[in-house]
PDB file of N, CA and C in Angstrom:
ATOM      1  N   UNK A   1      -2.583  11.560  30.834  1.00  0.00           N
ATOM      2  CA  UNK A   1      -1.656  10.887  29.937  1.00  0.00           C
ATOM      3  C   UNK A   1      -2.317  10.594  28.586  1.00  0.00           C
ATOM      4  N   UNK A   2      -3.512   9.982  28.619  1.00  0.00           N
ATOM      5  CA  UNK A   2      -4.198   9.668  27.369  1.00  0.00           C
ATOM      6  C   UNK A   2      -4.624  10.935  26.636  1.00  0.00           C
ATOM      7  N   UNK A   3      -5.056  11.940  27.394  1.00  0.00           N
ATOM      8  CA  UNK A   3      -5.469  13.196  26.770  1.00  0.00           C
ATOM      9  C   UNK A   3      -4.287  13.857  26.069  1.00  0.00           C
ATOM     10  N   UNK A   4      -3.111  13.767  26.655  1.00  0.00           N
ATOM     11  CA  UNK A   4      -1.912  14.336  26.052  1.00  0.00           C
ATOM     12  C   UNK A   4      -1.588  13.636  24.729  1.00  0.00           C
ATOM     13  N   UNK A   5      -1.712  12.323  24.718  1.00  0.00           N
ATOM     14  CA  UNK A   5      -1.445  11.556  23.497  1.00  0.00           C
ATOM     15  C   UNK A   5      -2.453  11.922  22.417  1.00  0.00           C
ATOM     16  N   UNK A   6      -3.720  12.038  22.804  1.00  0.00           N
ATOM     17  CA  UNK A   6      -4.754  12.404  21.831  1.00  0.00           C
ATOM     18  C   UNK A   6      -4.545  13.814  21.295  1.00  0.00           C
ATOM     19  N   UNK A   7      -4.124  14.736  22.141  1.00  0.00           N
ATOM     20  CA  UNK A   7      -3.858  16.102  21.677  1.00  0.00           C
ATOM     21  C   UNK A   7      -2.695  16.130  20.702  1.00  0.00           C
ATOM     22  N   UNK A   8      -1.662  15.357  20.979  1.00  0.00           N
ATOM     23  CA  UNK A   8      -0.519  15.304  20.064  1.00  0.00           C
ATOM     24  C   UNK A   8      -0.923  14.699  18.722  1.00  0.00           C
ATOM     25  N   UNK A   9      -1.727  13.647  18.755  1.00  0.00           N
ATOM     26  CA  UNK A   9      -2.193  13.028  17.517  1.00  0.00           C
ATOM     27  C   UNK A   9      -3.064  13.998  16.722  1.00  0.00           C
ATOM     28  N   UNK A  10      -3.938  14.732  17.405  1.00  0.00           N
ATOM     29  CA  UNK A  10      -4.792  15.708  16.726  1.00  0.00           C
ATOM     30  C   UNK A  10      -3.957  16.812  16.085  1.00  0.00           C
ATOM     31  N   UNK A  11      -2.934  17.281  16.783  1.00  0.00           N
ATOM     32  CA  UNK A  11      -2.041  18.301  16.225  1.00  0.00           C
ATOM     33  C   UNK A  11      -1.310  17.782  14.997  1.00  0.00           C
ATOM     34  N   UNK A  12      -0.900  16.537  15.032  1.00  0.00           N
ATOM     35  CA  UNK A  12      -0.197  15.942  13.896  1.00  0.00           C
ATOM     36  C   UNK A  12      -1.105  15.889  12.676  1.00  0.00           C
ATOM     37  N   UNK A  13      -2.333  15.426  12.859  1.00  0.00           N
ATOM     38  CA  UNK A  13      -3.274  15.332  11.740  1.00  0.00           C
ATOM     39  C   UNK A  13      -3.594  16.720  11.194  1.00  0.00           C
ATOM     40  N   UNK A  14      -3.775  17.706  12.063  1.00  0.00           N
ATOM     41  CA  UNK A  14      -4.084  19.062  11.619  1.00  0.00           C
ATOM     42  C   UNK A  14      -2.908  19.707  10.894  1.00  0.00           C
ATOM     43  N   UNK A  15      -1.697  19.299  11.190  1.00  0.00           N
ATOM     44  CA  UNK A  15      -0.533  19.909  10.554  1.00  0.00           C
ATOM     45  C   UNK A  15      -0.286  19.367   9.150  1.00  0.00           C
ATOM     46  N   UNK A  16      -0.963  18.274   8.785  1.00  0.00           N
ATOM     47  CA  UNK A  16      -0.760  17.695   7.459  1.00  0.00           C
ATOM     48  C   UNK A  16      -1.586  18.447   6.424  1.00  0.00           C
ATOM     49  N   UNK A  17      -1.091  18.479   5.206  1.00  0.00           N
ATOM     50  CA  UNK A  17      -1.801  19.124   4.110  1.00  0.00           C
ATOM     51  C   UNK A  17      -2.651  18.058   3.431  1.00  0.00           C
ATOM     52  N   UNK A  18      -3.928  18.006   3.753  1.00  0.00           N
ATOM     53  CA  UNK A  18      -4.825  16.977   3.231  1.00  0.00           C
ATOM     54  C   UNK A  18      -5.466  17.452   1.939  1.00  0.00           C
ATOM     55  N   UNK A  19      -5.226  16.710   0.875  1.00  0.00           N
ATOM     56  CA  UNK A  19      -5.903  16.952  -0.393  1.00  0.00           C
ATOM     57  C   UNK A  19      -6.784  15.750  -0.669  1.00  0.00           C
ATOM     58  N   UNK A  20      -7.616  15.856  -1.662  1.00  0.00           N
ATOM     59  CA  UNK A  20      -8.478  14.725  -2.027  1.00  0.00           C
ATOM     60  C   UNK A  20      -7.682  13.467  -2.346  1.00  0.00           C
ATOM     61  N   UNK A  21      -6.686  13.560  -3.241  1.00  0.00           N
ATOM     62  CA  UNK A  21      -5.904  12.366  -3.554  1.00  0.00           C
ATOM     63  C   UNK A  21      -5.164  11.788  -2.341  1.00  0.00           C
ATOM     64  N   UNK A  22      -4.694  12.653  -1.439  1.00  0.00           N
ATOM     65  CA  UNK A  22      -4.009  12.167  -0.241  1.00  0.00           C
ATOM     66  C   UNK A  22      -4.974  11.394   0.643  1.00  0.00           C
ATOM     67  N   UNK A  23      -6.160  11.925   0.833  1.00  0.00           N
ATOM     68  CA  UNK A  23      -7.162  11.245   1.648  1.00  0.00           C
ATOM     69  C   UNK A  23      -7.572   9.920   1.015  1.00  0.00           C
ATOM     70  N   UNK A  24      -7.739   9.907  -0.299  1.00  0.00           N
ATOM     71  CA  UNK A  24      -8.091   8.665  -0.998  1.00  0.00           C
ATOM     72  C   UNK A  24      -6.985   7.633  -0.836  1.00  0.00           C
ATOM     73  N   UNK A  25      -5.731   8.061  -0.944  1.00  0.00           N
ATOM     74  CA  UNK A  25      -4.600   7.152  -0.797  1.00  0.00           C
ATOM     75  C   UNK A  25      -4.601   6.497   0.583  1.00  0.00           C
ATOM     76  N   UNK A  26      -4.702   7.311   1.632  1.00  0.00           N
ATOM     77  CA  UNK A  26      -4.671   6.757   2.982  1.00  0.00           C
ATOM     78  C   UNK A  26      -5.909   5.914   3.276  1.00  0.00           C
ATOM     79  N   UNK A  27      -7.056   6.301   2.743  1.00  0.00           N
ATOM     80  CA  UNK A  27      -8.268   5.496   2.919  1.00  0.00           C
ATOM     81  C   UNK A  27      -8.122   4.143   2.220  1.00  0.00           C
ATOM     82  N   UNK A  28      -7.513   4.139   1.035  1.00  0.00           N
ATOM     83  CA  UNK A  28      -7.300   2.882   0.311  1.00  0.00           C
ATOM     84  C   UNK A  28      -6.360   1.955   1.083  1.00  0.00           C
ATOM     85  N   UNK A  29      -5.308   2.505   1.661  1.00  0.00           N
ATOM     86  CA  UNK A  29      -4.384   1.693   2.465  1.00  0.00           C
ATOM     87  C   UNK A  29      -5.111   1.129   3.676  1.00  0.00           C
ATOM     88  N   UNK A  30      -5.908   1.952   4.347  1.00  0.00           N
ATOM     89  CA  UNK A  30      -6.664   1.484   5.520  1.00  0.00           C
ATOM     90  C   UNK A  30      -7.653   0.392   5.129  1.00  0.00           C
ATOM     91  N   UNK A  31      -8.331   0.553   4.001  1.00  0.00           N
ATOM     92  CA  UNK A  31      -9.267  -0.473   3.537  1.00  0.00           C
ATOM     93  C   UNK A  31      -8.542  -1.775   3.182  1.00  0.00           C
ATOM     94  N   UNK A  32      -7.360  -1.660   2.566  1.00  0.00           N
ATOM     95  CA  UNK A  32      -6.588  -2.870   2.256  1.00  0.00           C
ATOM     96  C   UNK A  32      -6.193  -3.603   3.532  1.00  0.00           C
ATOM     97  N   UNK A  33      -5.737  -2.869   4.525  1.00  0.00           N
ATOM     98  CA  UNK A  33      -5.344  -3.500   5.787  1.00  0.00           C
ATOM     99  C   UNK A  33      -6.543  -4.134   6.480  1.00  0.00           C
ATOM    100  N   UNK A  34      -7.684  -3.456   6.463  1.00  0.00           N
ATOM    101  CA  UNK A  34      -8.895  -4.035   7.057  1.00  0.00           C
ATOM    102  C   UNK A  34      -9.326  -5.282   6.299  1.00  0.00           C
ATOM    103  N   UNK A  35      -9.258  -5.220   4.975  1.00  0.00           N
ATOM    104  CA  UNK A  35      -9.602  -6.385   4.159  1.00  0.00           C
ATOM    105  C   UNK A  35      -8.669  -7.558   4.393  1.00  0.00           C
ATOM    106  N   UNK A  36      -7.384  -7.268   4.501  1.00  0.00           N
ATOM    107  CA  UNK A  36      -6.415  -8.343   4.757  1.00  0.00           C
ATOM    108  C   UNK A  36      -6.639  -8.957   6.140  1.00  0.00           C
ATOM    109  N   UNK A  37      -7.015  -8.126   7.112  1.00  0.00           N
ATOM    110  CA  UNK A  37      -7.307  -8.644   8.449  1.00  0.00           C
ATOM    111  C   UNK A  37      -8.526  -9.556   8.409  1.00  0.00           C
ATOM    112  N   UNK A  38      -9.577  -9.121   7.701  1.00  0.00           N
ATOM    113  CA  UNK A  38     -10.782  -9.947   7.579  1.00  0.00           C
ATOM    114  C   UNK A  38     -10.473 -11.264   6.866  1.00  0.00           C
ATOM    115  N   UNK A  39      -9.680 -11.196   5.803  1.00  0.00           N
ATOM    116  CA  UNK A  39      -9.294 -12.427   5.099  1.00  0.00           C
ATOM    117  C   UNK A  39      -8.503 -13.370   5.997  1.00  0.00           C
ATOM    118  N   UNK A  40      -7.604 -12.808   6.790  1.00  0.00           N
ATOM    119  CA  UNK A  40      -6.792 -13.629   7.683  1.00  0.00           C
ATOM    120  C   UNK A  40      -7.658 -14.320   8.729  1.00  0.00           C
ATOM    121  N   UNK A  41      -8.665 -13.614   9.225  1.00  0.00           N
ATOM    122  CA  UNK A  41      -9.556 -14.214  10.221  1.00  0.00           C
ATOM    123  C   UNK A  41     -10.449 -15.281   9.598  1.00  0.00           C
ATOM    124  N   UNK A  42     -10.910 -15.047   8.370  1.00  0.00           N
ATOM    125  CA  UNK A  42     -11.798 -15.999   7.701  1.00  0.00           C
ATOM    126  C   UNK A  42     -11.038 -17.190   7.120  1.00  0.00           C
ATOM    127  N   UNK A  43      -9.945 -16.913   6.424  1.00  0.00           N
ATOM    128  CA  UNK A  43      -9.136 -17.953   5.792  1.00  0.00           C
ATOM    129  C   UNK A  43      -7.672 -17.690   6.111  1.00  0.00           C
ATOM    130  N   UNK A  44      -7.145 -18.331   7.147  1.00  0.00           N
ATOM    131  CA  UNK A  44      -5.731 -18.101   7.488  1.00  0.00           C
ATOM    132  C   UNK A  44      -4.826 -18.371   6.288  1.00  0.00           C
ATOM    133  N   UNK A  45      -3.832 -17.533   6.157  1.00  0.00           N
ATOM    134  CA  UNK A  45      -2.942 -17.615   5.004  1.00  0.00           C
ATOM    135  C   UNK A  45      -2.007 -18.812   5.098  1.00  0.00           C
ATOM    136  N   UNK A  46      -1.610 -19.292   3.944  1.00  0.00           N
ATOM    137  CA  UNK A  46      -0.651 -20.385   3.835  1.00  0.00           C
ATOM    138  C   UNK A  46       0.524 -19.856   3.027  1.00  0.00           C
ATOM    139  N   UNK A  47       1.731 -20.070   3.521  1.00  0.00           N
ATOM    140  CA  UNK A  47       2.897 -19.621   2.757  1.00  0.00           C
ATOM    141  C   UNK A  47       2.962 -20.381   1.440  1.00  0.00           C
ATOM    142  N   UNK A  48       3.337 -19.672   0.390  1.00  0.00           N
ATOM    143  CA  UNK A  48       3.496 -20.330  -0.910  1.00  0.00           C
ATOM    144  C   UNK A  48       4.637 -19.691  -1.669  1.00  0.00           C
ATOM    145  N   UNK A  49       5.097 -20.415  -2.657  1.00  0.00           N
ATOM    146  CA  UNK A  49       6.213 -19.950  -3.485  1.00  0.00           C
ATOM    147  C   UNK A  49       5.667 -19.617  -4.859  1.00  0.00           C
ATOM    148  N   UNK A  50       5.836 -18.378  -5.267  1.00  0.00           N
ATOM    149  CA  UNK A  50       5.446 -17.940  -6.597  1.00  0.00           C
ATOM    150  C   UNK A  50       6.691 -17.540  -7.366  1.00  0.00           C
ATOM    151  N   UNK A  51       6.590 -16.476  -8.153  1.00  0.00           N
ATOM    152  CA  UNK A  51       7.757 -16.034  -8.925  1.00  0.00           C
ATOM    153  C   UNK A  51       8.752 -15.262  -8.068  1.00  0.00           C
ATOM    154  N   UNK A  52       8.330 -14.817  -6.881  1.00  0.00           N
ATOM    155  CA  UNK A  52       9.270 -14.139  -5.981  1.00  0.00           C
ATOM    156  C   UNK A  52      10.266 -15.157  -5.429  1.00  0.00           C
ATOM    157  N   UNK A  53      11.490 -14.740  -5.133  1.00  0.00           N
ATOM    158  CA  UNK A  53      12.529 -15.688  -4.722  1.00  0.00           C
ATOM    159  C   UNK A  53      12.433 -16.134  -3.258  1.00  0.00           C
ATOM    160  N   UNK A  54      11.215 -16.185  -2.719  1.00  0.00           N
ATOM    161  CA  UNK A  54      11.031 -16.604  -1.329  1.00  0.00           C
ATOM    162  C   UNK A  54       9.579 -17.042  -1.154  1.00  0.00           C
ATOM    163  N   UNK A  55       9.326 -17.779  -0.100  1.00  0.00           N
ATOM    164  CA  UNK A  55       7.942 -18.107   0.206  1.00  0.00           C
ATOM    165  C   UNK A  55       7.309 -16.880   0.866  1.00  0.00           C
ATOM    166  N   UNK A  56       6.048 -16.613   0.511  1.00  0.00           N
ATOM    167  CA  UNK A  56       5.386 -15.412   1.001  1.00  0.00           C
ATOM    168  C   UNK A  56       3.973 -15.731   1.478  1.00  0.00           C
ATOM    169  N   UNK A  57       3.482 -14.880   2.347  1.00  0.00           N
ATOM    170  CA  UNK A  57       2.091 -14.910   2.765  1.00  0.00           C
ATOM    171  C   UNK A  57       1.361 -13.768   2.064  1.00  0.00           C
ATOM    172  N   UNK A  58       0.044 -13.704   2.249  1.00  0.00           N
ATOM    173  CA  UNK A  58      -0.707 -12.586   1.648  1.00  0.00           C
ATOM    174  C   UNK A  58      -0.179 -11.245   2.125  1.00  0.00           C
ATOM    175  N   UNK A  59       0.119 -11.134   3.404  1.00  0.00           N
ATOM    176  CA  UNK A  59       0.633  -9.883   3.945  1.00  0.00           C
ATOM    177  C   UNK A  59       1.983  -9.508   3.356  1.00  0.00           C
ATOM    178  N   UNK A  60       2.846 -10.509   3.158  1.00  0.00           N
ATOM    179  CA  UNK A  60       4.144 -10.255   2.526  1.00  0.00           C
ATOM    180  C   UNK A  60       3.954  -9.709   1.120  1.00  0.00           C
ATOM    181  N   UNK A  61       3.039 -10.340   0.373  1.00  0.00           N
ATOM    182  CA  UNK A  61       2.802  -9.901  -1.002  1.00  0.00           C
ATOM    183  C   UNK A  61       2.178  -8.509  -1.038  1.00  0.00           C
ATOM    184  N   UNK A  62       1.306  -8.194  -0.061  1.00  0.00           N
ATOM    185  CA  UNK A  62       0.741  -6.849   0.023  1.00  0.00           C
ATOM    186  C   UNK A  62       1.861  -5.826   0.232  1.00  0.00           C
ATOM    187  N   UNK A  63       2.738  -6.100   1.179  1.00  0.00           N
ATOM    188  CA  UNK A  63       3.844  -5.181   1.452  1.00  0.00           C
ATOM    189  C   UNK A  63       4.755  -5.040   0.236  1.00  0.00           C
ATOM    190  N   UNK A  64       5.116  -6.144  -0.395  1.00  0.00           N
ATOM    191  CA  UNK A  64       5.989  -6.095  -1.578  1.00  0.00           C
ATOM    192  C   UNK A  64       5.305  -5.338  -2.713  1.00  0.00           C
ATOM    193  N   UNK A  65       4.010  -5.560  -2.888  1.00  0.00           N
ATOM    194  CA  UNK A  65       3.266  -4.850  -3.925  1.00  0.00           C
ATOM    195  C   UNK A  65       3.227  -3.354  -3.681  1.00  0.00           C
ATOM    196  N   UNK A  66       2.984  -2.946  -2.434  1.00  0.00           N
ATOM    197  CA  UNK A  66       2.951  -1.514  -2.107  1.00  0.00           C
ATOM    198  C   UNK A  66       4.330  -0.881  -2.243  1.00  0.00           C
ATOM    199  N   UNK A  67       5.345  -1.583  -1.778  1.00  0.00           N
ATOM    200  CA  UNK A  67       6.702  -1.061  -1.878  1.00  0.00           C
ATOM    201  C   UNK A  67       7.128  -0.932  -3.344  1.00  0.00           C
ATOM    202  N   UNK A  68       6.835  -1.945  -4.143  1.00  0.00           N
ATOM    203  CA  UNK A  68       7.150  -1.879  -5.573  1.00  0.00           C
ATOM    204  C   UNK A  68       6.405  -0.757  -6.267  1.00  0.00           C
ATOM    205  N   UNK A  69       5.148  -0.550  -5.883  1.00  0.00           N
ATOM    206  CA  UNK A  69       4.361   0.534  -6.474  1.00  0.00           C
ATOM    207  C   UNK A  69       4.964   1.891  -6.142  1.00  0.00           C
ATOM    208  N   UNK A  70       5.436   2.051  -4.921  1.00  0.00           N
ATOM    209  CA  UNK A  70       6.090   3.308  -4.544  1.00  0.00           C
ATOM    210  C   UNK A  70       7.340   3.528  -5.390  1.00  0.00           C
ATOM    211  N   UNK A  71       8.133   2.489  -5.563  1.00  0.00           N
ATOM    212  CA  UNK A  71       9.355   2.615  -6.372  1.00  0.00           C
ATOM    213  C   UNK A  71       9.031   2.904  -7.831  1.00  0.00           C
ATOM    214  N   UNK A  72       7.972   2.306  -8.358  1.00  0.00           N
ATOM    215  CA  UNK A  72       7.563   2.598  -9.735  1.00  0.00           C
ATOM    216  C   UNK A  72       7.271   4.090  -9.879  1.00  0.00           C
ATOM    217  N   UNK A  73       6.549   4.654  -8.915  1.00  0.00           N
ATOM    218  CA  UNK A  73       6.220   6.074  -8.985  1.00  0.00           C
ATOM    219  C   UNK A  73       7.462   6.955  -8.836  1.00  0.00           C
ATOM    220  N   UNK A  74       8.339   6.607  -7.921  1.00  0.00           N
ATOM    221  CA  UNK A  74       9.561   7.398  -7.726  1.00  0.00           C
ATOM    222  C   UNK A  74      10.420   7.369  -8.989  1.00  0.00           C
ATOM    223  N   UNK A  75      10.633   6.183  -9.543  1.00  0.00           N
ATOM    224  CA  UNK A  75      11.440   6.078 -10.763  1.00  0.00           C
ATOM    225  C   UNK A  75      10.776   6.786 -11.935  1.00  0.00           C
ATOM    226  N   UNK A  76       9.466   6.713 -12.013  1.00  0.00           N
ATOM    227  CA  UNK A  76       8.742   7.405 -13.081  1.00  0.00           C
ATOM    228  C   UNK A  76       8.966   8.913 -12.986  1.00  0.00           C
ATOM    229  N   UNK A  77       8.821   9.442 -11.786  1.00  0.00           N
ATOM    230  CA  UNK A  77       9.019  10.881 -11.607  1.00  0.00           C
ATOM    231  C   UNK A  77      10.449  11.304 -11.926  1.00  0.00           C
ATOM    232  N   UNK A  78      11.405  10.415 -11.660  1.00  0.00           N
ATOM    233  CA  UNK A  78      12.812  10.746 -11.892  1.00  0.00           C
ATOM    234  C   UNK A  78      13.214  10.639 -13.362  1.00  0.00           C
ATOM    235  N   UNK A  79      12.501   9.817 -14.143  1.00  0.00           N
ATOM    236  CA  UNK A  79      12.986   9.531 -15.487  1.00  0.00           C
ATOM    237  C   UNK A  79      12.032   9.891 -16.616  1.00  0.00           C
ATOM    238  N   UNK A  80      10.760  10.083 -16.347  1.00  0.00           N
ATOM    239  CA  UNK A  80       9.777  10.278 -17.412  1.00  0.00           C
ATOM    240  C   UNK A  80       9.149  11.659 -17.344  1.00  0.00           C
ATOM    241  N   UNK A  81       8.753  12.156 -18.498  1.00  0.00           N
ATOM    242  CA  UNK A  81       8.032  13.418 -18.560  1.00  0.00           C
ATOM    243  C   UNK A  81       6.548  13.178 -18.829  1.00  0.00           C
ATOM    244  N   UNK A  82       6.153  11.931 -18.903  1.00  0.00           N
ATOM    245  CA  UNK A  82       4.758  11.583 -19.152  1.00  0.00           C
ATOM    246  C   UNK A  82       3.937  11.750 -17.874  1.00  0.00           C
ATOM    247  N   UNK A  83       2.605  11.842 -18.014  1.00  0.00           N
ATOM    248  CA  UNK A  83       1.756  12.006 -16.827  1.00  0.00           C
ATOM    249  C   UNK A  83       1.902  10.838 -15.841  1.00  0.00           C
ATOM    250  N   UNK A  84       1.678  11.149 -14.588  1.00  0.00           N
ATOM    251  CA  UNK A  84       1.835  10.163 -13.521  1.00  0.00           C
ATOM    252  C   UNK A  84       0.781   9.065 -13.590  1.00  0.00           C
ATOM    253  N   UNK A  85      -0.327   9.295 -14.303  1.00  0.00           N
ATOM    254  CA  UNK A  85      -1.352   8.261 -14.426  1.00  0.00           C
ATOM    255  C   UNK A  85      -0.806   7.008 -15.087  1.00  0.00           C
ATOM    256  N   UNK A  86       0.154   7.153 -15.964  1.00  0.00           N
ATOM    257  CA  UNK A  86       0.770   5.983 -16.598  1.00  0.00           C
ATOM    258  C   UNK A  86       1.497   5.145 -15.545  1.00  0.00           C
ATOM    259  N   UNK A  87       2.200   5.804 -14.656  1.00  0.00           N
ATOM    260  CA  UNK A  87       2.897   5.094 -13.580  1.00  0.00           C
ATOM    261  C   UNK A  87       1.896   4.421 -12.649  1.00  0.00           C
ATOM    262  N   UNK A  88       0.791   5.086 -12.378  1.00  0.00           N
ATOM    263  CA  UNK A  88      -0.234   4.493 -11.516  1.00  0.00           C
ATOM    264  C   UNK A  88      -0.828   3.245 -12.154  1.00  0.00           C
ATOM    265  N   UNK A  89      -1.048   3.298 -13.457  1.00  0.00           N
ATOM    266  CA  UNK A  89      -1.553   2.120 -14.174  1.00  0.00           C
ATOM    267  C   UNK A  89      -0.551   0.978 -14.093  1.00  0.00           C
ATOM    268  N   UNK A  90       0.708   1.291 -14.308  1.00  0.00           N
ATOM    269  CA  UNK A  90       1.763   0.279 -14.210  1.00  0.00           C
ATOM    270  C   UNK A  90       1.860  -0.282 -12.791  1.00  0.00           C
ATOM    271  N   UNK A  91       1.726   0.589 -11.800  1.00  0.00           N
ATOM    272  CA  UNK A  91       1.799   0.153 -10.402  1.00  0.00           C
ATOM    273  C   UNK A  91       0.622  -0.755 -10.037  1.00  0.00           C
ATOM    274  N   UNK A  92      -0.566  -0.439 -10.518  1.00  0.00           N
ATOM    275  CA  UNK A  92      -1.727  -1.297 -10.255  1.00  0.00           C
ATOM    276  C   UNK A  92      -1.526  -2.660 -10.897  1.00  0.00           C
ATOM    277  N   UNK A  93      -0.996  -2.680 -12.101  1.00  0.00           N
ATOM    278  CA  UNK A  93      -0.703  -3.945 -12.770  1.00  0.00           C
ATOM    279  C   UNK A  93       0.333  -4.750 -11.984  1.00  0.00           C
ATOM    280  N   UNK A  94       1.407  -4.100 -11.537  1.00  0.00           N
ATOM    281  CA  UNK A  94       2.435  -4.752 -10.724  1.00  0.00           C
ATOM    282  C   UNK A  94       1.832  -5.333  -9.455  1.00  0.00           C
ATOM    283  N   UNK A  95       1.006  -4.532  -8.781  1.00  0.00           N
ATOM    284  CA  UNK A  95       0.391  -4.951  -7.530  1.00  0.00           C
ATOM    285  C   UNK A  95      -0.494  -6.187  -7.743  1.00  0.00           C
ATOM    286  N   UNK A  96      -1.289  -6.167  -8.805  1.00  0.00           N
ATOM    287  CA  UNK A  96      -2.169  -7.307  -9.097  1.00  0.00           C
ATOM    288  C   UNK A  96      -1.359  -8.565  -9.390  1.00  0.00           C
ATOM    289  N   UNK A  97      -0.272  -8.438 -10.146  1.00  0.00           N
ATOM    290  CA  UNK A  97       0.569  -9.594 -10.484  1.00  0.00           C
ATOM    291  C   UNK A  97       1.229 -10.156  -9.231  1.00  0.00           C
ATOM    292  N   UNK A  98       1.742  -9.287  -8.367  1.00  0.00           N
ATOM    293  CA  UNK A  98       2.401  -9.760  -7.131  1.00  0.00           C
ATOM    294  C   UNK A  98       1.386 -10.451  -6.226  1.00  0.00           C
ATOM    295  N   UNK A  99       0.199  -9.873  -6.076  1.00  0.00           N
ATOM    296  CA  UNK A  99      -0.798 -10.476  -5.192  1.00  0.00           C
ATOM    297  C   UNK A  99      -1.267 -11.826  -5.725  1.00  0.00           C
ATOM    298  N   UNK A 100      -1.363 -11.965  -7.030  1.00  0.00           N
ATOM    299  CA  UNK A 100      -1.883 -13.211  -7.609  1.00  0.00           C
ATOM    300  C   UNK A 100      -0.789 -14.283  -7.793  1.00  0.00           C
ATOM    301  N   UNK A 101       0.349 -13.886  -8.331  1.00  0.00           N
ATOM    302  CA  UNK A 101       1.351 -14.878  -8.726  1.00  0.00           C
ATOM    303  C   UNK A 101       2.640 -14.818  -7.911  1.00  0.00           C
ATOM    304  N   UNK A 102       2.765 -13.835  -7.013  1.00  0.00           N
ATOM    305  CA  UNK A 102       4.008 -13.633  -6.265  1.00  0.00           C
ATOM    306  C   UNK A 102       4.237 -14.630  -5.276  1.00  0.00           C
TER     307      UNK A 102
END
């Protein structure tokens, strides 16, 4: 049973088209999740109210920041002819603002 699950997972990973940026993206997400887990264990989160219309925890703000960053990139690709690095810069700024003040 476990061997079957591992074989299916290995097939899934092998079927993906891994590029450098894709690997960096997934590694960054994994590092963020590991960091958030370590922070939660060291300093449990306290809900707070920022500029977002609800009380949020660190994990909530992480999710909102990532989701907003994805939407920034999608909208950029749909509406702009400028390089995607501009959208990435905007997304990093959005993410930092949500994590700090959200």
